[in-house]
Amino acid sequence: MESLFHWIDLLGIAVFAASGTLAAWRKQMDGFGVLVLATVTAIGGGTIRDLILDVPVVWLKNDSYFYAIFAAAVLTILLVRKRLTIPNNALQKDHIS
């Protein structure tokens, strides 16, 4: 069961990384800027939460979070470069019914 939660967590990280990548793409950032914004978007909130609660920060112990961020950023860039349309509201909370 713990493994299932880890994979769901990685999926959430990837979605937030894709959201950050799209924001960086719209601002025409370079590759480094895209990766920084994708990373901050994906793990920034959880890191602040963990620091406030004084618990260990999860991504410091597990490299799989960075692999998920990198894969999501690269996949999102490839999709955008191929001109595949990603609807503007695809990652917004109001879109999910």
C-alpha atoms as a PDB file:
ATOM      1  CA  MET A   1       0.000   0.000   0.000  1.00  0.00           C
ATOM      2  CA  GLU A   2       2.889   2.346   0.736  1.00  0.00           C
ATOM      3  CA  SER A   3       4.201   1.837  -2.789  1.00  0.00           C
ATOM      4  CA  LEU A   4       0.819   2.862  -4.235  1.00  0.00           C
ATOM      5  CA  PHE A   5       0.893   6.109  -2.259  1.00  0.00           C
ATOM      6  CA  HIS A   6       4.419   6.797  -3.470  1.00  0.00           C
ATOM      7  CA  TRP A   7       3.371   6.379  -7.136  1.00  0.00           C
ATOM      8  CA  ILE A   8       0.336   8.602  -6.625  1.00  0.00           C
ATOM      9  CA  ASP A   9       2.593  11.182  -4.987  1.00  0.00           C
ATOM     10  CA  LEU A  10       4.965  11.035  -7.972  1.00  0.00           C
ATOM     11  CA  LEU A  11       2.033  11.496 -10.335  1.00  0.00           C
ATOM     12  CA  GLY A  12       0.968  14.613  -8.421  1.00  0.00           C
ATOM     13  CA  ILE A  13       4.536  15.917  -8.511  1.00  0.00           C
ATOM     14  CA  ALA A  14       4.617  15.357 -12.287  1.00  0.00           C
ATOM     15  CA  VAL A  15       1.347  17.242 -12.790  1.00  0.00           C
ATOM     16  CA  PHE A  16       2.597  20.232 -10.808  1.00  0.00           C
ATOM     17  CA  ALA A  17       5.903  20.105 -12.692  1.00  0.00           C
ATOM     18  CA  ALA A  18       3.990  20.174 -15.987  1.00  0.00           C
ATOM     19  CA  SER A  19       2.045  23.184 -14.731  1.00  0.00           C
ATOM     20  CA  GLY A  20       5.270  24.999 -13.843  1.00  0.00           C
ATOM     21  CA  THR A  21       6.771  24.061 -17.197  1.00  0.00           C
ATOM     22  CA  LEU A  22       3.783  25.513 -19.043  1.00  0.00           C
ATOM     23  CA  ALA A  23       4.054  28.749 -17.058  1.00  0.00           C
ATOM     24  CA  ALA A  24       7.770  28.991 -17.840  1.00  0.00           C
ATOM     25  CA  TRP A  25       7.113  28.239 -21.510  1.00  0.00           C
ATOM     26  CA  ARG A  26       4.583  31.084 -21.706  1.00  0.00           C
ATOM     27  CA  LYS A  27       7.185  33.435 -20.221  1.00  0.00           C
ATOM     28  CA  GLN A  28       9.716  32.184 -22.803  1.00  0.00           C
ATOM     29  CA  MET A  29      12.261  31.084 -20.209  1.00  0.00           C
ATOM     30  CA  ASP A  30      15.360  29.101 -21.136  1.00  0.00           C
ATOM     31  CA  GLY A  31      15.816  25.440 -20.206  1.00  0.00           C
ATOM     32  CA  PHE A  32      17.305  26.163 -16.808  1.00  0.00           C
ATOM     33  CA  GLY A  33      14.460  28.519 -15.955  1.00  0.00           C
ATOM     34  CA  VAL A  34      11.946  25.893 -17.014  1.00  0.00           C
ATOM     35  CA  LEU A  35      13.513  23.267 -14.744  1.00  0.00           C
ATOM     36  CA  VAL A  36      13.750  25.665 -11.798  1.00  0.00           C
ATOM     37  CA  LEU A  37      10.124  26.772 -12.123  1.00  0.00           C
ATOM     38  CA  ALA A  38       8.936  23.185 -12.625  1.00  0.00           C
ATOM     39  CA  THR A  39      10.841  22.083  -9.517  1.00  0.00           C
ATOM     40  CA  VAL A  40       9.656  24.951  -7.334  1.00  0.00           C
ATOM     41  CA  THR A  41       6.065  24.437  -8.465  1.00  0.00           C
ATOM     42  CA  ALA A  42       6.221  20.686  -7.899  1.00  0.00           C
ATOM     43  CA  ILE A  43       7.902  20.480  -4.485  1.00  0.00           C
ATOM     44  CA  GLY A  44       7.889  24.017  -3.107  1.00  0.00           C
ATOM     45  CA  GLY A  45       4.613  23.883  -1.207  1.00  0.00           C
ATOM     46  CA  GLY A  46       5.303  20.489   0.343  1.00  0.00           C
ATOM     47  CA  THR A  47       8.761  21.620   1.397  1.00  0.00           C
ATOM     48  CA  ILE A  48       7.389  24.694   3.169  1.00  0.00           C
ATOM     49  CA  ARG A  49       4.721  22.524   4.842  1.00  0.00           C
ATOM     50  CA  ASP A  50       7.327  20.023   6.059  1.00  0.00           C
ATOM     51  CA  LEU A  51       9.573  22.795   7.399  1.00  0.00           C
ATOM     52  CA  ILE A  52       6.697  24.432   9.272  1.00  0.00           C
ATOM     53  CA  LEU A  53       5.625  21.084  10.756  1.00  0.00           C
ATOM     54  CA  ASP A  54       9.266  20.286  11.591  1.00  0.00           C
ATOM     55  CA  VAL A  55       9.195  16.914   9.847  1.00  0.00           C
ATOM     56  CA  PRO A  56      11.807  15.536   7.426  1.00  0.00           C
ATOM     57  CA  VAL A  57      11.543  16.891   3.884  1.00  0.00           C
ATOM     58  CA  VAL A  58      10.631  13.894   1.738  1.00  0.00           C
ATOM     59  CA  TRP A  59      12.476  14.761  -1.471  1.00  0.00           C
ATOM     60  CA  LEU A  60      15.810  15.045   0.354  1.00  0.00           C
ATOM     61  CA  LYS A  61      15.766  11.276   0.947  1.00  0.00           C
ATOM     62  CA  ASN A  62      14.408  10.113  -2.411  1.00  0.00           C
ATOM     63  CA  ASP A  63      15.746  11.014  -5.870  1.00  0.00           C
ATOM     64  CA  SER A  64      12.631   9.730  -7.641  1.00  0.00           C
ATOM     65  CA  TYR A  65      10.964  13.120  -7.145  1.00  0.00           C
ATOM     66  CA  PHE A  66      13.581  14.824  -9.294  1.00  0.00           C
ATOM     67  CA  TYR A  67      13.290  12.122 -11.951  1.00  0.00           C
ATOM     68  CA  ALA A  68       9.520  12.668 -12.065  1.00  0.00           C
ATOM     69  CA  ILE A  69       9.984  16.449 -12.332  1.00  0.00           C
ATOM     70  CA  PHE A  70      12.573  16.144 -15.085  1.00  0.00           C
ATOM     71  CA  ALA A  71      10.502  13.614 -17.053  1.00  0.00           C
ATOM     72  CA  ALA A  72       7.347  15.716 -16.757  1.00  0.00           C
ATOM     73  CA  ALA A  73       9.182  18.885 -17.817  1.00  0.00           C
ATOM     74  CA  VAL A  74      10.797  17.225 -20.838  1.00  0.00           C
ATOM     75  CA  LEU A  75       7.544  15.545 -21.887  1.00  0.00           C
ATOM     76  CA  THR A  76       5.630  18.814 -21.553  1.00  0.00           C
ATOM     77  CA  ILE A  77       8.228  20.700 -23.592  1.00  0.00           C
ATOM     78  CA  LEU A  78       8.114  18.030 -26.300  1.00  0.00           C
ATOM     79  CA  LEU A  79       4.322  18.182 -26.429  1.00  0.00           C
ATOM     80  CA  VAL A  80       4.320  21.969 -26.674  1.00  0.00           C
ATOM     81  CA  ARG A  81       7.048  21.986 -29.330  1.00  0.00           C
ATOM     82  CA  LYS A  82       5.130  19.462 -31.425  1.00  0.00           C
ATOM     83  CA  ARG A  83       2.250  21.938 -31.315  1.00  0.00           C
ATOM     84  CA  LEU A  84      -0.015  19.479 -29.570  1.00  0.00           C
ATOM     85  CA  THR A  85      -2.570  21.602 -27.824  1.00  0.00           C
ATOM     86  CA  ILE A  86      -2.811  21.459 -24.082  1.00  0.00           C
ATOM     87  CA  PRO A  87      -6.018  23.205 -23.046  1.00  0.00           C
ATOM     88  CA  ASN A  88      -5.395  26.199 -20.798  1.00  0.00           C
ATOM     89  CA  ASN A  89      -7.757  24.866 -18.159  1.00  0.00           C
ATOM     90  CA  ALA A  90      -6.513  21.254 -18.229  1.00  0.00           C
ATOM     91  CA  LEU A  91      -4.562  21.662 -14.982  1.00  0.00           C
ATOM     92  CA  GLN A  92      -6.923  24.031 -13.202  1.00  0.00           C
ATOM     93  CA  LYS A  93      -8.888  22.933 -10.169  1.00  0.00           C
ATOM     94  CA  ASP A  94     -12.225  24.247 -11.527  1.00  0.00           C
ATOM     95  CA  HIS A  95     -11.942  22.022 -14.603  1.00  0.00           C
ATOM     96  CA  ILE A  96     -12.343  18.792 -12.606  1.00  0.00           C
ATOM     97  CA  SER A  97     -15.963  17.939 -11.952  1.00  0.00           C
END
